[in-house]
Amino acid sequence: MSDRDLIILLLIGVVVGVIANRVAGRGGLGLIGDMIAGALGAFAGVWLLPKIGFHPGTGLIRLSISAALGSVILLGVVRVIRRL
């Protein structure tokens, strides 16, 4: 994975975290928490989704879709756990 890919992953995760923070309002982790969880989810999505057989395209498209899905999934899981 190149430096460019890592930067893109981080940016996508942070953007998804910010969007999740705006949507969730007080139900979120706070702006910084959502940004960190989004970035971690982006890395997890790029690593995990191909292992379960999900390959959405190639190159930058694959990276972007996997990162966004990973971020959304991790943020959703964190919010469900926080409610318990």
PDB file of N, CA and C in Angstrom:
ATOM      1  N   MET A   1       0.847  -1.161   0.000  1.00  0.00           N
ATOM      2  CA  MET A   1       0.000   0.000   0.000  1.00  0.00           C
ATOM      3  C   MET A   1       0.903   1.239   0.000  1.00  0.00           C
ATOM      4  N   SER A   2       0.606   2.160  -0.870  1.00  0.00           N
ATOM      5  CA  SER A   2       1.437   3.354  -1.015  1.00  0.00           C
ATOM      6  C   SER A   2       1.072   4.417   0.023  1.00  0.00           C
ATOM      7  N   ASP A   3       1.915   5.423   0.115  1.00  0.00           N
ATOM      8  CA  ASP A   3       1.643   6.543   1.018  1.00  0.00           C
ATOM      9  C   ASP A   3       0.356   7.261   0.622  1.00  0.00           C
ATOM     10  N   ARG A   4       0.132   7.367  -0.670  1.00  0.00           N
ATOM     11  CA  ARG A   4      -1.088   8.013  -1.161  1.00  0.00           C
ATOM     12  C   ARG A   4      -2.324   7.255  -0.692  1.00  0.00           C
ATOM     13  N   ASP A   5      -2.269   5.929  -0.750  1.00  0.00           N
ATOM     14  CA  ASP A   5      -3.389   5.111  -0.308  1.00  0.00           C
ATOM     15  C   ASP A   5      -3.658   5.296   1.186  1.00  0.00           C
ATOM     16  N   LEU A   6      -2.607   5.375   1.981  1.00  0.00           N
ATOM     17  CA  LEU A   6      -2.776   5.576   3.418  1.00  0.00           C
ATOM     18  C   LEU A   6      -3.417   6.922   3.726  1.00  0.00           C
ATOM     19  N   ILE A   7      -3.004   7.945   3.005  1.00  0.00           N
ATOM     20  CA  ILE A   7      -3.580   9.273   3.208  1.00  0.00           C
ATOM     21  C   ILE A   7      -5.052   9.280   2.805  1.00  0.00           C
ATOM     22  N   ILE A   8      -5.376   8.630   1.700  1.00  0.00           N
ATOM     23  CA  ILE A   8      -6.762   8.550   1.244  1.00  0.00           C
ATOM     24  C   ILE A   8      -7.610   7.802   2.262  1.00  0.00           C
ATOM     25  N   LEU A   9      -7.086   6.693   2.784  1.00  0.00           N
ATOM     26  CA  LEU A   9      -7.801   5.933   3.808  1.00  0.00           C
ATOM     27  C   LEU A   9      -8.106   6.799   5.024  1.00  0.00           C
ATOM     28  N   LEU A  10      -7.106   7.495   5.477  1.00  0.00           N
ATOM     29  CA  LEU A  10      -7.269   8.347   6.650  1.00  0.00           C
ATOM     30  C   LEU A  10      -8.301   9.441   6.399  1.00  0.00           C
ATOM     31  N   LEU A  11      -8.222  10.092   5.243  1.00  0.00           N
ATOM     32  CA  LEU A  11      -9.167  11.160   4.922  1.00  0.00           C
ATOM     33  C   LEU A  11     -10.598  10.647   4.804  1.00  0.00           C
ATOM     34  N   ILE A  12     -10.776   9.508   4.167  1.00  0.00           N
ATOM     35  CA  ILE A  12     -12.125   8.955   4.025  1.00  0.00           C
ATOM     36  C   ILE A  12     -12.687   8.605   5.397  1.00  0.00           C
ATOM     37  N   GLY A  13     -11.874   7.984   6.237  1.00  0.00           N
ATOM     38  CA  GLY A  13     -12.325   7.634   7.579  1.00  0.00           C
ATOM     39  C   GLY A  13     -12.713   8.853   8.394  1.00  0.00           C
ATOM     40  N   VAL A  14     -11.911   9.899   8.323  1.00  0.00           N
ATOM     41  CA  VAL A  14     -12.195  11.120   9.069  1.00  0.00           C
ATOM     42  C   VAL A  14     -13.467  11.780   8.550  1.00  0.00           C
ATOM     43  N   VAL A  15     -13.639  11.834   7.244  1.00  0.00           N
ATOM     44  CA  VAL A  15     -14.845  12.443   6.667  1.00  0.00           C
ATOM     45  C   VAL A  15     -16.091  11.660   7.070  1.00  0.00           C
ATOM     46  N   VAL A  16     -16.022  10.329   7.006  1.00  0.00           N
ATOM     47  CA  VAL A  16     -17.172   9.514   7.423  1.00  0.00           C
ATOM     48  C   VAL A  16     -17.451   9.732   8.908  1.00  0.00           C
ATOM     49  N   GLY A  17     -16.392   9.859   9.714  1.00  0.00           N
ATOM     50  CA  GLY A  17     -16.570  10.134  11.136  1.00  0.00           C
ATOM     51  C   GLY A  17     -17.258  11.464  11.391  1.00  0.00           C
ATOM     52  N   VAL A  18     -16.865  12.496  10.649  1.00  0.00           N
ATOM     53  CA  VAL A  18     -17.482  13.818  10.798  1.00  0.00           C
ATOM     54  C   VAL A  18     -18.948  13.769  10.379  1.00  0.00           C
ATOM     55  N   ILE A  19     -19.233  13.095   9.288  1.00  0.00           N
ATOM     56  CA  ILE A  19     -20.623  12.968   8.828  1.00  0.00           C
ATOM     57  C   ILE A  19     -21.444  12.209   9.863  1.00  0.00           C
ATOM     58  N   ALA A  20     -20.883  11.133  10.403  1.00  0.00           N
ATOM     59  CA  ALA A  20     -21.588  10.360  11.425  1.00  0.00           C
ATOM     60  C   ALA A  20     -21.850  11.213  12.662  1.00  0.00           C
ATOM     61  N   ASN A  21     -20.894  12.060  13.014  1.00  0.00           N
ATOM     62  CA  ASN A  21     -21.064  12.939  14.163  1.00  0.00           C
ATOM     63  C   ASN A  21     -22.213  13.901  13.936  1.00  0.00           C
ATOM     64  N   ARG A  22     -22.319  14.442  12.743  1.00  0.00           N
ATOM     65  CA  ARG A  22     -23.399  15.379  12.418  1.00  0.00           C
ATOM     66  C   ARG A  22     -24.756  14.671  12.428  1.00  0.00           C
ATOM     67  N   VAL A  23     -24.799  13.449  11.908  1.00  0.00           N
ATOM     68  CA  VAL A  23     -26.050  12.706  11.833  1.00  0.00           C
ATOM     69  C   VAL A  23     -26.488  12.237  13.218  1.00  0.00           C
ATOM     70  N   ALA A  24     -25.557  11.752  14.015  1.00  0.00           N
ATOM     71  CA  ALA A  24     -25.887  11.168  15.313  1.00  0.00           C
ATOM     72  C   ALA A  24     -26.181  12.220  16.371  1.00  0.00           C
ATOM     73  N   GLY A  25     -25.637  13.409  16.199  1.00  0.00           N
ATOM     74  CA  GLY A  25     -25.840  14.436  17.222  1.00  0.00           C
ATOM     75  C   GLY A  25     -25.220  14.014  18.543  1.00  0.00           C
ATOM     76  N   ARG A  26     -26.004  14.007  19.598  1.00  0.00           N
ATOM     77  CA  ARG A  26     -25.498  13.634  20.923  1.00  0.00           C
ATOM     78  C   ARG A  26     -25.304  12.126  21.082  1.00  0.00           C
ATOM     79  N   GLY A  27     -25.790  11.326  20.151  1.00  0.00           N
ATOM     80  CA  GLY A  27     -25.661   9.876  20.258  1.00  0.00           C
ATOM     81  C   GLY A  27     -24.307   9.349  19.841  1.00  0.00           C
ATOM     82  N   GLY A  28     -23.441  10.237  19.389  1.00  0.00           N
ATOM     83  CA  GLY A  28     -22.140   9.804  18.902  1.00  0.00           C
ATOM     84  C   GLY A  28     -21.081   9.781  19.976  1.00  0.00           C
ATOM     85  N   LEU A  29     -19.849   9.702  19.542  1.00  0.00           N
ATOM     86  CA  LEU A  29     -18.701   9.640  20.439  1.00  0.00           C
ATOM     87  C   LEU A  29     -18.050  11.000  20.617  1.00  0.00           C
ATOM     88  N   GLY A  30     -18.637  12.027  20.090  1.00  0.00           N
ATOM     89  CA  GLY A  30     -17.985  13.325  20.038  1.00  0.00           C
ATOM     90  C   GLY A  30     -17.248  13.432  18.710  1.00  0.00           C
ATOM     91  N   LEU A  31     -16.936  14.627  18.307  1.00  0.00           N
ATOM     92  CA  LEU A  31     -16.320  14.834  17.002  1.00  0.00           C
ATOM     93  C   LEU A  31     -15.002  14.089  16.872  1.00  0.00           C
ATOM     94  N   ILE A  32     -14.111  14.250  17.831  1.00  0.00           N
ATOM     95  CA  ILE A  32     -12.799  13.598  17.744  1.00  0.00           C
ATOM     96  C   ILE A  32     -12.955  12.083  17.817  1.00  0.00           C
ATOM     97  N   GLY A  33     -13.809  11.593  18.698  1.00  0.00           N
ATOM     98  CA  GLY A  33     -14.036  10.149  18.814  1.00  0.00           C
ATOM     99  C   GLY A  33     -14.577   9.543  17.534  1.00  0.00           C
ATOM    100  N   ASP A  34     -15.529  10.230  16.905  1.00  0.00           N
ATOM    101  CA  ASP A  34     -16.087   9.745  15.640  1.00  0.00           C
ATOM    102  C   ASP A  34     -15.038   9.764  14.529  1.00  0.00           C
ATOM    103  N   MET A  35     -14.191  10.786  14.524  1.00  0.00           N
ATOM    104  CA  MET A  35     -13.140  10.859  13.507  1.00  0.00           C
ATOM    105  C   MET A  35     -12.138   9.717  13.682  1.00  0.00           C
ATOM    106  N   ILE A  36     -11.765   9.433  14.911  1.00  0.00           N
ATOM    107  CA  ILE A  36     -10.812   8.341  15.169  1.00  0.00           C
ATOM    108  C   ILE A  36     -11.438   6.992  14.828  1.00  0.00           C
ATOM    109  N   ALA A  37     -12.686   6.785  15.266  1.00  0.00           N
ATOM    110  CA  ALA A  37     -13.371   5.527  14.960  1.00  0.00           C
ATOM    111  C   ALA A  37     -13.553   5.361  13.451  1.00  0.00           C
ATOM    112  N   GLY A  38     -13.854   6.444  12.747  1.00  0.00           N
ATOM    113  CA  GLY A  38     -13.992   6.380  11.293  1.00  0.00           C
ATOM    114  C   GLY A  38     -12.686   6.001  10.619  1.00  0.00           C
ATOM    115  N   ALA A  39     -11.577   6.592  11.075  1.00  0.00           N
ATOM    116  CA  ALA A  39     -10.270   6.275  10.490  1.00  0.00           C
ATOM    117  C   ALA A  39      -9.892   4.821  10.766  1.00  0.00           C
ATOM    118  N   LEU A  40     -10.118   4.359  11.990  1.00  0.00           N
ATOM    119  CA  LEU A  40      -9.822   2.959  12.310  1.00  0.00           C
ATOM    120  C   LEU A  40     -10.704   2.012  11.500  1.00  0.00           C
ATOM    121  N   GLY A  41     -11.958   2.379  11.330  1.00  0.00           N
ATOM    122  CA  GLY A  41     -12.867   1.569  10.519  1.00  0.00           C
ATOM    123  C   GLY A  41     -12.445   1.501   9.066  1.00  0.00           C
ATOM    124  N   ALA A  42     -11.894   2.596   8.553  1.00  0.00           N
ATOM    125  CA  ALA A  42     -11.427   2.605   7.170  1.00  0.00           C
ATOM    126  C   ALA A  42     -10.295   1.596   6.977  1.00  0.00           C
ATOM    127  N   PHE A  43      -9.358   1.596   7.913  1.00  0.00           N
ATOM    128  CA  PHE A  43      -8.256   0.633   7.824  1.00  0.00           C
ATOM    129  C   PHE A  43      -8.766  -0.798   7.980  1.00  0.00           C
ATOM    130  N   ALA A  44      -9.702  -1.003   8.900  1.00  0.00           N
ATOM    131  CA  ALA A  44     -10.268  -2.335   9.106  1.00  0.00           C
ATOM    132  C   ALA A  44     -11.034  -2.805   7.864  1.00  0.00           C
ATOM    133  N   GLY A  45     -11.773  -1.900   7.243  1.00  0.00           N
ATOM    134  CA  GLY A  45     -12.537  -2.269   6.051  1.00  0.00           C
ATOM    135  C   GLY A  45     -11.655  -2.675   4.888  1.00  0.00           C
ATOM    136  N   VAL A  46     -10.585  -1.941   4.672  1.00  0.00           N
ATOM    137  CA  VAL A  46      -9.674  -2.271   3.572  1.00  0.00           C
ATOM    138  C   VAL A  46      -8.966  -3.593   3.838  1.00  0.00           C
ATOM    139  N   TRP A  47      -8.720  -3.896   5.090  1.00  0.00           N
ATOM    140  CA  TRP A  47      -8.049  -5.143   5.431  1.00  0.00           C
ATOM    141  C   TRP A  47      -9.019  -6.326   5.436  1.00  0.00           C
ATOM    142  N   LEU A  48     -10.226  -6.130   6.011  1.00  0.00           N
ATOM    143  CA  LEU A  48     -11.133  -7.242   6.246  1.00  0.00           C
ATOM    144  C   LEU A  48     -12.044  -7.587   5.072  1.00  0.00           C
ATOM    145  N   LEU A  49     -12.580  -6.602   4.392  1.00  0.00           N
ATOM    146  CA  LEU A  49     -13.572  -6.882   3.334  1.00  0.00           C
ATOM    147  C   LEU A  49     -13.034  -7.802   2.232  1.00  0.00           C
ATOM    148  N   PRO A  50     -11.803  -7.619   1.739  1.00  0.00           N
ATOM    149  CA  PRO A  50     -11.317  -8.571   0.740  1.00  0.00           C
ATOM    150  C   PRO A  50     -11.162  -9.993   1.289  1.00  0.00           C
ATOM    151  N   LYS A  51     -10.909 -10.124   2.580  1.00  0.00           N
ATOM    152  CA  LYS A  51     -10.751 -11.452   3.182  1.00  0.00           C
ATOM    153  C   LYS A  51     -12.067 -12.222   3.228  1.00  0.00           C
ATOM    154  N   ILE A  52     -13.197 -11.496   3.233  1.00  0.00           N
ATOM    155  CA  ILE A  52     -14.488 -12.179   3.232  1.00  0.00           C
ATOM    156  C   ILE A  52     -15.084 -12.259   1.817  1.00  0.00           C
ATOM    157  N   GLY A  53     -14.296 -11.878   0.829  1.00  0.00           N
ATOM    158  CA  GLY A  53     -14.715 -12.036  -0.559  1.00  0.00           C
ATOM    159  C   GLY A  53     -15.367 -10.828  -1.190  1.00  0.00           C
ATOM    160  N   PHE A  54     -15.300  -9.674  -0.584  1.00  0.00           N
ATOM    161  CA  PHE A  54     -15.905  -8.457  -1.141  1.00  0.00           C
ATOM    162  C   PHE A  54     -14.825  -7.645  -1.835  1.00  0.00           C
ATOM    163  N   HIS A  55     -14.908  -7.560  -3.166  1.00  0.00           N
ATOM    164  CA  HIS A  55     -13.913  -6.845  -3.979  1.00  0.00           C
ATOM    165  C   HIS A  55     -14.621  -5.827  -4.871  1.00  0.00           C
ATOM    166  N   PRO A  56     -14.869  -4.618  -4.361  1.00  0.00           N
ATOM    167  CA  PRO A  56     -15.618  -3.614  -5.139  1.00  0.00           C
ATOM    168  C   PRO A  56     -14.741  -2.851  -6.128  1.00  0.00           C
ATOM    169  N   GLY A  57     -14.472  -3.422  -7.251  1.00  0.00           N
ATOM    170  CA  GLY A  57     -13.679  -2.730  -8.263  1.00  0.00           C
ATOM    171  C   GLY A  57     -12.184  -2.859  -8.031  1.00  0.00           C
ATOM    172  N   THR A  58     -11.452  -1.901  -8.592  1.00  0.00           N
ATOM    173  CA  THR A  58      -9.999  -1.924  -8.462  1.00  0.00           C
ATOM    174  C   THR A  58      -9.484  -0.522  -8.152  1.00  0.00           C
ATOM    175  N   GLY A  59      -8.274  -0.464  -7.692  1.00  0.00           N
ATOM    176  CA  GLY A  59      -7.588   0.802  -7.485  1.00  0.00           C
ATOM    177  C   GLY A  59      -8.243   1.710  -6.466  1.00  0.00           C
ATOM    178  N   LEU A  60      -8.339   2.977  -6.823  1.00  0.00           N
ATOM    179  CA  LEU A  60      -8.858   3.996  -5.919  1.00  0.00           C
ATOM    180  C   LEU A  60     -10.331   3.774  -5.582  1.00  0.00           C
ATOM    181  N   ILE A  61     -11.101   3.253  -6.520  1.00  0.00           N
ATOM    182  CA  ILE A  61     -12.516   2.969  -6.274  1.00  0.00           C
ATOM    183  C   ILE A  61     -12.644   1.904  -5.193  1.00  0.00           C
ATOM    184  N   ARG A  62     -11.886   0.826  -5.304  1.00  0.00           N
ATOM    185  CA  ARG A  62     -11.909  -0.258  -4.303  1.00  0.00           C
ATOM    186  C   ARG A  62     -11.526   0.274  -2.937  1.00  0.00           C
ATOM    187  N   LEU A  63     -10.470   1.046  -2.914  1.00  0.00           N
ATOM    188  CA  LEU A  63      -9.976   1.619  -1.662  1.00  0.00           C
ATOM    189  C   LEU A  63     -11.031   2.513  -1.014  1.00  0.00           C
ATOM    190  N   SER A  64     -11.649   3.368  -1.795  1.00  0.00           N
ATOM    191  CA  SER A  64     -12.642   4.309  -1.276  1.00  0.00           C
ATOM    192  C   SER A  64     -13.880   3.597  -0.752  1.00  0.00           C
ATOM    193  N   ILE A  65     -14.401   2.655  -1.515  1.00  0.00           N
ATOM    194  CA  ILE A  65     -15.606   1.942  -1.101  1.00  0.00           C
ATOM    195  C   ILE A  65     -15.336   1.101   0.141  1.00  0.00           C
ATOM    196  N   SER A  66     -14.233   0.372   0.155  1.00  0.00           N
ATOM    197  CA  SER A  66     -13.896  -0.457   1.314  1.00  0.00           C
ATOM    198  C   SER A  66     -13.679   0.391   2.561  1.00  0.00           C
ATOM    199  N   ALA A  67     -13.008   1.526   2.417  1.00  0.00           N
ATOM    200  CA  ALA A  67     -12.753   2.406   3.557  1.00  0.00           C
ATOM    201  C   ALA A  67     -14.051   2.985   4.096  1.00  0.00           C
ATOM    202  N   ALA A  68     -14.922   3.438   3.217  1.00  0.00           N
ATOM    203  CA  ALA A  68     -16.194   4.018   3.659  1.00  0.00           C
ATOM    204  C   ALA A  68     -17.070   2.973   4.342  1.00  0.00           C
ATOM    205  N   LEU A  69     -17.156   1.785   3.760  1.00  0.00           N
ATOM    206  CA  LEU A  69     -17.952   0.721   4.378  1.00  0.00           C
ATOM    207  C   LEU A  69     -17.389   0.315   5.732  1.00  0.00           C
ATOM    208  N   GLY A  70     -16.091   0.169   5.819  1.00  0.00           N
ATOM    209  CA  GLY A  70     -15.471  -0.183   7.089  1.00  0.00           C
ATOM    210  C   GLY A  70     -15.739   0.860   8.157  1.00  0.00           C
ATOM    211  N   SER A  71     -15.661   2.122   7.786  1.00  0.00           N
ATOM    212  CA  SER A  71     -15.925   3.211   8.732  1.00  0.00           C
ATOM    213  C   SER A  71     -17.360   3.184   9.218  1.00  0.00           C
ATOM    214  N   VAL A  72     -18.283   3.051   8.301  1.00  0.00           N
ATOM    215  CA  VAL A  72     -19.701   3.037   8.661  1.00  0.00           C
ATOM    216  C   VAL A  72     -20.012   1.848   9.565  1.00  0.00           C
ATOM    217  N   ILE A  73     -19.478   0.685   9.231  1.00  0.00           N
ATOM    218  CA  ILE A  73     -19.741  -0.511  10.029  1.00  0.00           C
ATOM    219  C   ILE A  73     -19.169  -0.355  11.434  1.00  0.00           C
ATOM    220  N   LEU A  74     -17.921   0.087  11.542  1.00  0.00           N
ATOM    221  CA  LEU A  74     -17.317   0.233  12.868  1.00  0.00           C
ATOM    222  C   LEU A  74     -18.041   1.282  13.703  1.00  0.00           C
ATOM    223  N   LEU A  75     -18.388   2.405  13.106  1.00  0.00           N
ATOM    224  CA  LEU A  75     -19.124   3.437  13.851  1.00  0.00           C
ATOM    225  C   LEU A  75     -20.482   2.912  14.316  1.00  0.00           C
ATOM    226  N   GLY A  76     -21.152   2.140  13.472  1.00  0.00           N
ATOM    227  CA  GLY A  76     -22.436   1.553  13.858  1.00  0.00           C
ATOM    228  C   GLY A  76     -22.294   0.574  15.013  1.00  0.00           C
ATOM    229  N   VAL A  77     -21.279  -0.263  14.959  1.00  0.00           N
ATOM    230  CA  VAL A  77     -21.044  -1.236  16.030  1.00  0.00           C
ATOM    231  C   VAL A  77     -20.726  -0.523  17.343  1.00  0.00           C
ATOM    232  N   VAL A  78     -19.878   0.503  17.280  1.00  0.00           N
ATOM    233  CA  VAL A  78     -19.519   1.251  18.485  1.00  0.00           C
ATOM    234  C   VAL A  78     -20.758   1.901  19.098  1.00  0.00           C
ATOM    235  N   ARG A  79     -21.621   2.442  18.282  1.00  0.00           N
ATOM    236  CA  ARG A  79     -22.828   3.096  18.808  1.00  0.00           C
ATOM    237  C   ARG A  79     -23.777   2.092  19.442  1.00  0.00           C
ATOM    238  N   VAL A  80     -23.908   0.910  18.832  1.00  0.00           N
ATOM    239  CA  VAL A  80     -24.780  -0.113  19.407  1.00  0.00           C
ATOM    240  C   VAL A  80     -24.210  -0.560  20.758  1.00  0.00           C
ATOM    241  N   ILE A  81     -22.927  -0.769  20.841  1.00  0.00           N
ATOM    242  CA  ILE A  81     -22.302  -1.193  22.095  1.00  0.00           C
ATOM    243  C   ILE A  81     -22.465  -0.121  23.172  1.00  0.00           C
ATOM    244  N   ARG A  82     -22.333   1.131  22.787  1.00  0.00           N
ATOM    245  CA  ARG A  82     -22.482   2.219  23.770  1.00  0.00           C
ATOM    246  C   ARG A  82     -23.882   2.292  24.352  1.00  0.00           C
ATOM    247  N   ARG A  83     -24.879   1.914  23.581  1.00  0.00           N
ATOM    248  CA  ARG A  83     -26.262   1.947  24.063  1.00  0.00           C
ATOM    249  C   ARG A  83     -26.549   0.860  25.090  1.00  0.00           C
ATOM    250  N   LEU A  84     -25.754  -0.202  25.066  1.00  0.00           N
ATOM    251  CA  LEU A  84     -26.003  -1.324  25.992  1.00  0.00           C
ATOM    252  C   LEU A  84     -25.605  -1.006  27.373  1.00  0.00           C
TER     253      LEU A  84
END
